[in-house]
Amino acid sequence: MTIRIEEPSNGVRLLTIDRPERRNAIDLATYRALTAAIDVADHDPAVRCCVLTGAGNVFTSGNDLKDFQQPQGPGPEAVLFLHTLVGVVKPLVAAVEGFAVGVGATMLLHFDLAFAGSSTQFRLPFVDLGLCPEGGSSFLLPQAAGLKRASELLMLSEKFDAQTAAEAGLINRVVDDGGALAVALDRARALAAAPPESVRLAKMLLRQPHREAVLGVIDTEAAHFTERLGSADAQAAFGRFFAAK
């Protein structure tokens, strides 16, 4: 299995992306496993909060580029995963270390809380790969970071550090390296101890005004993303990536 599922404390479910040999890159099987695990947790009355992290001190290096050699790329699996994140009723908390690339960064926009180790490197490489923004990021990142900062992060494809990620609203705060999971679990336990219906309503009221717009943007981005996968620019970028391996 590419996802480890644990119960570190009452009411808290911990999901760990477990492909350290691939820097926890998300392939089709991992998308399916993540979607199922989050959905099961959301419908389990014993679970009040879900925490996501990555094995080996790496959150995730994003989509497994091997899947981009297929005509549809991650395709429906990725879109279903993103729709699941948008629809989750219970709070989601992320513990980020090492790398958060591509969907590994954009998914954080759908989490209620996120914490990252100080040396974590983030990157939104879509334009550099001949693709386009995904995960609802073209809508949510300008809301969180402002249009100028979002344009810089999404259009230049450059790496940025955890402090920049915090300033852009991708994470709540920067913590000591190796400490993100402990902080995330502490916050998850606090959420699990709060009145569950009040937590549910707070999340719903925060997210509901933009929920349908976010779902629409995810689908529009996915259509353009799939089209771009077959472009000469994207194929040349993938060729360079695999030639360097």
C-alpha atoms as a PDB file:
ATOM      1  CA  MET A   1       0.000   0.000   0.000  1.00  0.00           C
ATOM      2  CA  THR A   2       1.186   3.525  -0.759  1.00  0.00           C
ATOM      3  CA  ILE A   3      -0.762   5.060   2.155  1.00  0.00           C
ATOM      4  CA  ARG A   4      -0.175   4.150   5.807  1.00  0.00           C
ATOM      5  CA  ILE A   5      -3.164   4.617   8.104  1.00  0.00           C
ATOM      6  CA  GLU A   6      -2.712   5.055  11.862  1.00  0.00           C
ATOM      7  CA  GLU A   7      -4.656   6.246  14.906  1.00  0.00           C
ATOM      8  CA  PRO A   8      -2.144   8.243  16.987  1.00  0.00           C
ATOM      9  CA  SER A   9      -4.805   9.450  19.448  1.00  0.00           C
ATOM     10  CA  ASN A  10      -8.552   9.374  20.003  1.00  0.00           C
ATOM     11  CA  GLY A  11     -10.403  11.052  17.180  1.00  0.00           C
ATOM     12  CA  VAL A  12      -7.293  11.659  15.051  1.00  0.00           C
ATOM     13  CA  ARG A  13      -6.467   9.625  11.933  1.00  0.00           C
ATOM     14  CA  LEU A  14      -2.987   9.933  10.466  1.00  0.00           C
ATOM     15  CA  LEU A  15      -2.441   9.239   6.759  1.00  0.00           C
ATOM     16  CA  THR A  16       1.139   8.933   5.510  1.00  0.00           C
ATOM     17  CA  ILE A  17       2.112   8.941   1.842  1.00  0.00           C
ATOM     18  CA  ASP A  18       4.581   6.064   1.802  1.00  0.00           C
ATOM     19  CA  ARG A  19       6.646   6.044  -1.395  1.00  0.00           C
ATOM     20  CA  PRO A  20       9.964   7.374  -0.079  1.00  0.00           C
ATOM     21  CA  GLU A  21      11.895   5.810  -2.965  1.00  0.00           C
ATOM     22  CA  ARG A  22       9.956   8.184  -5.268  1.00  0.00           C
ATOM     23  CA  ARG A  23      10.001  11.141  -2.847  1.00  0.00           C
ATOM     24  CA  ASN A  24       6.365  10.241  -2.226  1.00  0.00           C
ATOM     25  CA  ALA A  25       5.342  11.151  -5.771  1.00  0.00           C
ATOM     26  CA  ILE A  26       1.628  10.593  -6.261  1.00  0.00           C
ATOM     27  CA  ASP A  27       0.835   8.023  -8.938  1.00  0.00           C
ATOM     28  CA  LEU A  28      -2.613   6.780  -9.922  1.00  0.00           C
ATOM     29  CA  ALA A  29      -2.692   4.096  -7.214  1.00  0.00           C
ATOM     30  CA  THR A  30      -1.733   6.645  -4.579  1.00  0.00           C
ATOM     31  CA  TYR A  31      -4.440   9.058  -5.748  1.00  0.00           C
ATOM     32  CA  ARG A  32      -6.997   6.271  -5.417  1.00  0.00           C
ATOM     33  CA  ALA A  33      -5.701   5.220  -1.989  1.00  0.00           C
ATOM     34  CA  LEU A  34      -5.595   8.800  -0.697  1.00  0.00           C
ATOM     35  CA  THR A  35      -9.103   9.548  -1.934  1.00  0.00           C
ATOM     36  CA  ALA A  36     -10.478   6.381  -0.345  1.00  0.00           C
ATOM     37  CA  ALA A  37      -8.659   6.923   2.971  1.00  0.00           C
ATOM     38  CA  ILE A  38      -9.838  10.527   3.310  1.00  0.00           C
ATOM     39  CA  ASP A  39     -13.402   9.605   2.373  1.00  0.00           C
ATOM     40  CA  VAL A  40     -13.467   6.708   4.872  1.00  0.00           C
ATOM     41  CA  ALA A  41     -12.122   8.963   7.635  1.00  0.00           C
ATOM     42  CA  ASP A  42     -14.700  11.621   6.843  1.00  0.00           C
ATOM     43  CA  HIS A  43     -17.519   9.098   7.232  1.00  0.00           C
ATOM     44  CA  ASP A  44     -16.116   7.330  10.319  1.00  0.00           C
ATOM     45  CA  PRO A  45     -17.879   8.627  13.461  1.00  0.00           C
ATOM     46  CA  ALA A  46     -14.788   7.773  15.525  1.00  0.00           C
ATOM     47  CA  VAL A  47     -12.651  10.216  13.499  1.00  0.00           C
ATOM     48  CA  ARG A  48     -12.871  13.929  14.192  1.00  0.00           C
ATOM     49  CA  CYS A  49      -9.770  15.171  12.363  1.00  0.00           C
ATOM     50  CA  CYS A  50      -7.485  13.809   9.647  1.00  0.00           C
ATOM     51  CA  VAL A  51      -3.744  14.543   9.365  1.00  0.00           C
ATOM     52  CA  LEU A  52      -1.719  13.993   6.184  1.00  0.00           C
ATOM     53  CA  THR A  53       2.058  13.725   6.017  1.00  0.00           C
ATOM     54  CA  GLY A  54       4.777  11.986   3.997  1.00  0.00           C
ATOM     55  CA  ALA A  55       7.277   9.253   4.870  1.00  0.00           C
ATOM     56  CA  GLY A  56      11.020   9.847   5.034  1.00  0.00           C
ATOM     57  CA  ASN A  57      10.822  13.554   5.923  1.00  0.00           C
ATOM     58  CA  VAL A  58       9.344  14.405   2.520  1.00  0.00           C
ATOM     59  CA  PHE A  59       5.745  15.513   2.041  1.00  0.00           C
ATOM     60  CA  THR A  60       5.431  14.826  -1.683  1.00  0.00           C
ATOM     61  CA  SER A  61       7.274  15.718  -4.870  1.00  0.00           C
ATOM     62  CA  GLY A  62       3.908  16.011  -6.623  1.00  0.00           C
ATOM     63  CA  ASN A  63       2.523  14.019  -9.515  1.00  0.00           C
ATOM     64  CA  ASP A  64       4.573  11.028 -10.581  1.00  0.00           C
ATOM     65  CA  LEU A  65       5.757  12.217 -13.991  1.00  0.00           C
ATOM     66  CA  LYS A  66       5.648   8.649 -15.307  1.00  0.00           C
ATOM     67  CA  ASP A  67       1.873   9.088 -15.396  1.00  0.00           C
ATOM     68  CA  PHE A  68       2.319  12.144 -17.620  1.00  0.00           C
ATOM     69  CA  GLN A  69       3.518   9.822 -20.360  1.00  0.00           C
ATOM     70  CA  GLN A  70      -0.055   8.555 -20.567  1.00  0.00           C
ATOM     71  CA  PRO A  71      -2.518  10.543 -22.738  1.00  0.00           C
ATOM     72  CA  GLN A  72      -4.754  11.516 -19.819  1.00  0.00           C
ATOM     73  CA  GLY A  73      -1.996  11.999 -17.244  1.00  0.00           C
ATOM     74  CA  PRO A  74      -3.356  11.596 -13.703  1.00  0.00           C
ATOM     75  CA  GLY A  75      -6.804  12.161 -15.223  1.00  0.00           C
ATOM     76  CA  PRO A  76      -9.970  11.333 -13.293  1.00  0.00           C
ATOM     77  CA  GLU A  77      -8.076  10.041 -10.253  1.00  0.00           C
ATOM     78  CA  ALA A  78      -6.503  13.448  -9.592  1.00  0.00           C
ATOM     79  CA  VAL A  79      -9.755  15.324 -10.155  1.00  0.00           C
ATOM     80  CA  LEU A  80     -11.684  12.969  -7.858  1.00  0.00           C
ATOM     81  CA  PHE A  81      -9.019  13.444  -5.177  1.00  0.00           C
ATOM     82  CA  LEU A  82      -9.333  17.224  -5.419  1.00  0.00           C
ATOM     83  CA  HIS A  83     -13.135  17.076  -5.366  1.00  0.00           C
ATOM     84  CA  THR A  84     -12.884  14.890  -2.260  1.00  0.00           C
ATOM     85  CA  LEU A  85     -10.686  17.491  -0.543  1.00  0.00           C
ATOM     86  CA  VAL A  86     -13.228  20.203  -1.342  1.00  0.00           C
ATOM     87  CA  GLY A  87     -16.104  18.101  -0.019  1.00  0.00           C
ATOM     88  CA  VAL A  88     -14.549  16.866   3.235  1.00  0.00           C
ATOM     89  CA  VAL A  89     -16.698  17.813   6.229  1.00  0.00           C
ATOM     90  CA  LYS A  90     -14.130  17.194   8.962  1.00  0.00           C
ATOM     91  CA  PRO A  91     -10.959  19.248   9.403  1.00  0.00           C
ATOM     92  CA  LEU A  92      -7.813  18.356   7.469  1.00  0.00           C
ATOM     93  CA  VAL A  93      -4.326  19.147   8.802  1.00  0.00           C
ATOM     94  CA  ALA A  94      -1.050  18.776   6.869  1.00  0.00           C
ATOM     95  CA  ALA A  95       2.456  18.168   8.214  1.00  0.00           C
ATOM     96  CA  VAL A  96       4.973  19.169   5.540  1.00  0.00           C
ATOM     97  CA  GLU A  97       8.702  18.418   5.450  1.00  0.00           C
ATOM     98  CA  GLY A  98      11.345  18.279   2.740  1.00  0.00           C
ATOM     99  CA  PHE A  99       9.542  18.988  -0.519  1.00  0.00           C
ATOM    100  CA  ALA A 100       6.024  20.096  -1.474  1.00  0.00           C
ATOM    101  CA  VAL A 101       5.945  20.274  -5.269  1.00  0.00           C
ATOM    102  CA  GLY A 102       3.053  20.724  -7.691  1.00  0.00           C
ATOM    103  CA  VAL A 103      -0.094  19.151  -6.294  1.00  0.00           C
ATOM    104  CA  GLY A 104       1.885  18.654  -3.084  1.00  0.00           C
ATOM    105  CA  ALA A 105       1.695  22.422  -2.666  1.00  0.00           C
ATOM    106  CA  THR A 106      -1.661  23.208  -4.286  1.00  0.00           C
ATOM    107  CA  MET A 107      -3.510  20.614  -2.186  1.00  0.00           C
ATOM    108  CA  LEU A 108      -2.528  22.604   0.912  1.00  0.00           C
ATOM    109  CA  LEU A 109      -4.968  25.315  -0.190  1.00  0.00           C
ATOM    110  CA  HIS A 110      -7.764  22.854   0.646  1.00  0.00           C
ATOM    111  CA  PHE A 111      -6.429  21.959   4.102  1.00  0.00           C
ATOM    112  CA  ASP A 112      -7.729  23.787   7.137  1.00  0.00           C
ATOM    113  CA  LEU A 113      -4.337  23.892   8.837  1.00  0.00           C
ATOM    114  CA  ALA A 114      -0.821  23.174   7.557  1.00  0.00           C
ATOM    115  CA  PHE A 115       2.628  23.364   9.129  1.00  0.00           C
ATOM    116  CA  ALA A 116       6.027  23.042   7.451  1.00  0.00           C
ATOM    117  CA  GLY A 117       9.591  22.451   8.591  1.00  0.00           C
ATOM    118  CA  SER A 118      11.849  25.459   8.105  1.00  0.00           C
ATOM    119  CA  SER A 119      13.951  23.987   5.285  1.00  0.00           C
ATOM    120  CA  THR A 120      10.972  22.701   3.257  1.00  0.00           C
ATOM    121  CA  GLN A 121      11.196  23.625  -0.425  1.00  0.00           C
ATOM    122  CA  PHE A 122       8.019  24.444  -2.338  1.00  0.00           C
ATOM    123  CA  ARG A 123       7.539  24.718  -6.076  1.00  0.00           C
ATOM    124  CA  LEU A 124       4.639  25.175  -8.505  1.00  0.00           C
ATOM    125  CA  PRO A 125       6.394  23.971 -11.685  1.00  0.00           C
ATOM    126  CA  PHE A 126       3.426  23.846 -14.035  1.00  0.00           C
ATOM    127  CA  VAL A 127       4.393  26.572 -16.513  1.00  0.00           C
ATOM    128  CA  ASP A 128       8.002  25.356 -16.627  1.00  0.00           C
ATOM    129  CA  LEU A 129       6.663  21.900 -17.565  1.00  0.00           C
ATOM    130  CA  GLY A 130       4.505  23.321 -20.363  1.00  0.00           C
ATOM    131  CA  LEU A 131       1.347  22.755 -18.316  1.00  0.00           C
ATOM    132  CA  CYS A 132      -0.975  25.093 -16.400  1.00  0.00           C
ATOM    133  CA  PRO A 133      -2.040  25.634 -12.784  1.00  0.00           C
ATOM    134  CA  GLU A 134      -4.120  22.883 -11.190  1.00  0.00           C
ATOM    135  CA  GLY A 135      -5.846  21.989  -7.939  1.00  0.00           C
ATOM    136  CA  GLY A 136      -7.948  25.139  -7.909  1.00  0.00           C
ATOM    137  CA  SER A 137      -4.766  27.154  -7.368  1.00  0.00           C
ATOM    138  CA  SER A 138      -5.566  29.770 -10.029  1.00  0.00           C
ATOM    139  CA  PHE A 139      -8.578  30.751  -7.887  1.00  0.00           C
ATOM    140  CA  LEU A 140      -7.471  30.013  -4.321  1.00  0.00           C
ATOM    141  CA  LEU A 141      -3.863  31.218  -4.389  1.00  0.00           C
ATOM    142  CA  PRO A 142      -4.695  34.805  -5.441  1.00  0.00           C
ATOM    143  CA  GLN A 143      -7.262  34.851  -2.633  1.00  0.00           C
ATOM    144  CA  ALA A 144      -4.677  33.735  -0.097  1.00  0.00           C
ATOM    145  CA  ALA A 145      -1.553  35.486  -1.415  1.00  0.00           C
ATOM    146  CA  GLY A 146      -2.818  38.370  -3.530  1.00  0.00           C
ATOM    147  CA  LEU A 147      -2.703  38.498  -7.310  1.00  0.00           C
ATOM    148  CA  LYS A 148       0.907  39.698  -7.653  1.00  0.00           C
ATOM    149  CA  ARG A 149       2.389  37.048  -5.357  1.00  0.00           C
ATOM    150  CA  ALA A 150       0.217  34.309  -6.882  1.00  0.00           C
ATOM    151  CA  SER A 151       1.313  35.374 -10.377  1.00  0.00           C
ATOM    152  CA  GLU A 152       4.958  35.207  -9.294  1.00  0.00           C
ATOM    153  CA  LEU A 153       4.625  31.733  -7.784  1.00  0.00           C
ATOM    154  CA  LEU A 154       2.454  30.222 -10.532  1.00  0.00           C
ATOM    155  CA  MET A 155       3.997  31.851 -13.628  1.00  0.00           C
ATOM    156  CA  LEU A 156       7.736  31.727 -12.848  1.00  0.00           C
ATOM    157  CA  SER A 157       7.781  28.129 -11.495  1.00  0.00           C
ATOM    158  CA  GLU A 158      10.630  28.961  -9.123  1.00  0.00           C
ATOM    159  CA  LYS A 159      11.368  27.241  -5.821  1.00  0.00           C
ATOM    160  CA  PHE A 160      10.347  29.097  -2.672  1.00  0.00           C
ATOM    161  CA  ASP A 161      10.959  28.502   1.009  1.00  0.00           C
ATOM    162  CA  ALA A 162       8.648  27.776   3.911  1.00  0.00           C
ATOM    163  CA  GLN A 163       8.552  31.393   5.059  1.00  0.00           C
ATOM    164  CA  THR A 164       7.349  32.465   1.616  1.00  0.00           C
ATOM    165  CA  ALA A 165       4.772  29.669   1.727  1.00  0.00           C
ATOM    166  CA  ALA A 166       3.514  31.023   5.055  1.00  0.00           C
ATOM    167  CA  GLU A 167       3.344  34.579   3.708  1.00  0.00           C
ATOM    168  CA  ALA A 168       1.423  33.276   0.670  1.00  0.00           C
ATOM    169  CA  GLY A 169      -1.116  31.463   2.856  1.00  0.00           C
ATOM    170  CA  LEU A 170      -0.168  27.910   1.844  1.00  0.00           C
ATOM    171  CA  ILE A 171       0.733  27.052   5.441  1.00  0.00           C
ATOM    172  CA  ASN A 172      -0.138  28.447   8.865  1.00  0.00           C
ATOM    173  CA  ARG A 173       3.412  28.722  10.105  1.00  0.00           C
ATOM    174  CA  VAL A 174       6.985  27.501   9.880  1.00  0.00           C
ATOM    175  CA  VAL A 175       8.235  25.126  12.571  1.00  0.00           C
ATOM    176  CA  ASP A 176      11.577  23.487  13.344  1.00  0.00           C
ATOM    177  CA  ASP A 177      12.707  20.869  10.838  1.00  0.00           C
ATOM    178  CA  GLY A 178      11.320  17.497  11.829  1.00  0.00           C
ATOM    179  CA  GLY A 179       8.676  19.124  14.008  1.00  0.00           C
ATOM    180  CA  ALA A 180       5.803  19.561  11.563  1.00  0.00           C
ATOM    181  CA  LEU A 181       4.076  16.287  12.431  1.00  0.00           C
ATOM    182  CA  ALA A 182       4.202  16.904  16.185  1.00  0.00           C
ATOM    183  CA  VAL A 183       2.670  20.358  15.729  1.00  0.00           C
ATOM    184  CA  ALA A 184       0.053  19.056  13.289  1.00  0.00           C
ATOM    185  CA  LEU A 185      -0.957  16.256  15.657  1.00  0.00           C
ATOM    186  CA  ASP A 186      -1.182  18.707  18.570  1.00  0.00           C
ATOM    187  CA  ARG A 187      -3.525  20.949  16.584  1.00  0.00           C
ATOM    188  CA  ALA A 188      -5.494  17.909  15.378  1.00  0.00           C
ATOM    189  CA  ARG A 189      -5.985  16.751  18.965  1.00  0.00           C
ATOM    190  CA  ALA A 190      -7.270  20.214  19.868  1.00  0.00           C
ATOM    191  CA  LEU A 191      -9.763  20.056  16.999  1.00  0.00           C
ATOM    192  CA  ALA A 192     -10.784  16.514  17.967  1.00  0.00           C
ATOM    193  CA  ALA A 193     -11.479  17.678  21.535  1.00  0.00           C
ATOM    194  CA  ALA A 194     -13.723  20.567  20.433  1.00  0.00           C
ATOM    195  CA  PRO A 195     -17.507  20.159  19.985  1.00  0.00           C
ATOM    196  CA  PRO A 196     -17.663  18.331  16.631  1.00  0.00           C
ATOM    197  CA  GLU A 197     -20.788  20.031  15.315  1.00  0.00           C
ATOM    198  CA  SER A 198     -19.306  23.451  16.039  1.00  0.00           C
ATOM    199  CA  VAL A 199     -16.094  22.504  14.221  1.00  0.00           C
ATOM    200  CA  ARG A 200     -18.137  21.207  11.288  1.00  0.00           C
ATOM    201  CA  LEU A 201     -20.178  24.384  11.081  1.00  0.00           C
ATOM    202  CA  ALA A 202     -17.120  26.629  11.334  1.00  0.00           C
ATOM    203  CA  LYS A 203     -15.474  24.809   8.439  1.00  0.00           C
ATOM    204  CA  MET A 204     -18.656  24.819   6.368  1.00  0.00           C
ATOM    205  CA  LEU A 205     -19.225  28.543   6.884  1.00  0.00           C
ATOM    206  CA  LEU A 206     -15.611  29.342   5.986  1.00  0.00           C
ATOM    207  CA  ARG A 207     -15.608  27.221   2.829  1.00  0.00           C
ATOM    208  CA  GLN A 208     -19.181  27.221   1.544  1.00  0.00           C
ATOM    209  CA  PRO A 209     -19.217  30.687  -0.117  1.00  0.00           C
ATOM    210  CA  HIS A 210     -16.600  29.593  -2.666  1.00  0.00           C
ATOM    211  CA  ARG A 211     -17.183  25.835  -2.806  1.00  0.00           C
ATOM    212  CA  GLU A 212     -18.983  25.652  -6.156  1.00  0.00           C
ATOM    213  CA  ALA A 213     -16.595  28.144  -7.729  1.00  0.00           C
ATOM    214  CA  VAL A 214     -13.597  26.088  -6.554  1.00  0.00           C
ATOM    215  CA  LEU A 215     -15.053  22.877  -7.996  1.00  0.00           C
ATOM    216  CA  GLY A 216     -15.670  24.633 -11.311  1.00  0.00           C
ATOM    217  CA  VAL A 217     -12.131  25.987 -11.435  1.00  0.00           C
ATOM    218  CA  ILE A 218     -10.660  22.552 -10.654  1.00  0.00           C
ATOM    219  CA  ASP A 219     -12.560  21.079 -13.609  1.00  0.00           C
ATOM    220  CA  THR A 220     -11.588  23.926 -15.960  1.00  0.00           C
ATOM    221  CA  GLU A 221      -7.929  23.692 -14.955  1.00  0.00           C
ATOM    222  CA  ALA A 222      -8.023  19.908 -15.422  1.00  0.00           C
ATOM    223  CA  ALA A 223      -9.358  20.262 -18.977  1.00  0.00           C
ATOM    224  CA  HIS A 224      -6.583  22.682 -19.932  1.00  0.00           C
ATOM    225  CA  PHE A 225      -4.012  20.572 -18.066  1.00  0.00           C
ATOM    226  CA  THR A 226      -4.965  17.446 -20.020  1.00  0.00           C
ATOM    227  CA  GLU A 227      -4.798  19.348 -23.289  1.00  0.00           C
ATOM    228  CA  ARG A 228      -1.373  20.722 -22.414  1.00  0.00           C
ATOM    229  CA  LEU A 229      -0.015  17.255 -21.616  1.00  0.00           C
ATOM    230  CA  GLY A 230       0.044  16.484 -25.332  1.00  0.00           C
ATOM    231  CA  SER A 231       1.712  19.743 -26.304  1.00  0.00           C
ATOM    232  CA  ALA A 232       5.204  19.929 -27.764  1.00  0.00           C
ATOM    233  CA  ASP A 233       6.280  22.129 -24.838  1.00  0.00           C
ATOM    234  CA  ALA A 234       5.183  19.573 -22.256  1.00  0.00           C
ATOM    235  CA  GLN A 235       6.621  16.591 -24.085  1.00  0.00           C
ATOM    236  CA  ALA A 236       9.963  18.371 -24.461  1.00  0.00           C
ATOM    237  CA  ALA A 237       9.966  19.190 -20.731  1.00  0.00           C
ATOM    238  CA  PHE A 238       9.212  15.585 -19.795  1.00  0.00           C
ATOM    239  CA  GLY A 239      11.938  14.414 -22.158  1.00  0.00           C
ATOM    240  CA  ARG A 240      14.470  16.650 -20.433  1.00  0.00           C
ATOM    241  CA  PHE A 241      13.334  15.408 -17.036  1.00  0.00           C
ATOM    242  CA  PHE A 242      13.701  11.705 -17.872  1.00  0.00           C
ATOM    243  CA  ALA A 243      16.980  12.274 -19.753  1.00  0.00           C
ATOM    244  CA  ALA A 244      18.424  13.794 -16.583  1.00  0.00           C
ATOM    245  CA  LYS A 245      17.409  10.803 -14.437  1.00  0.00           C
END
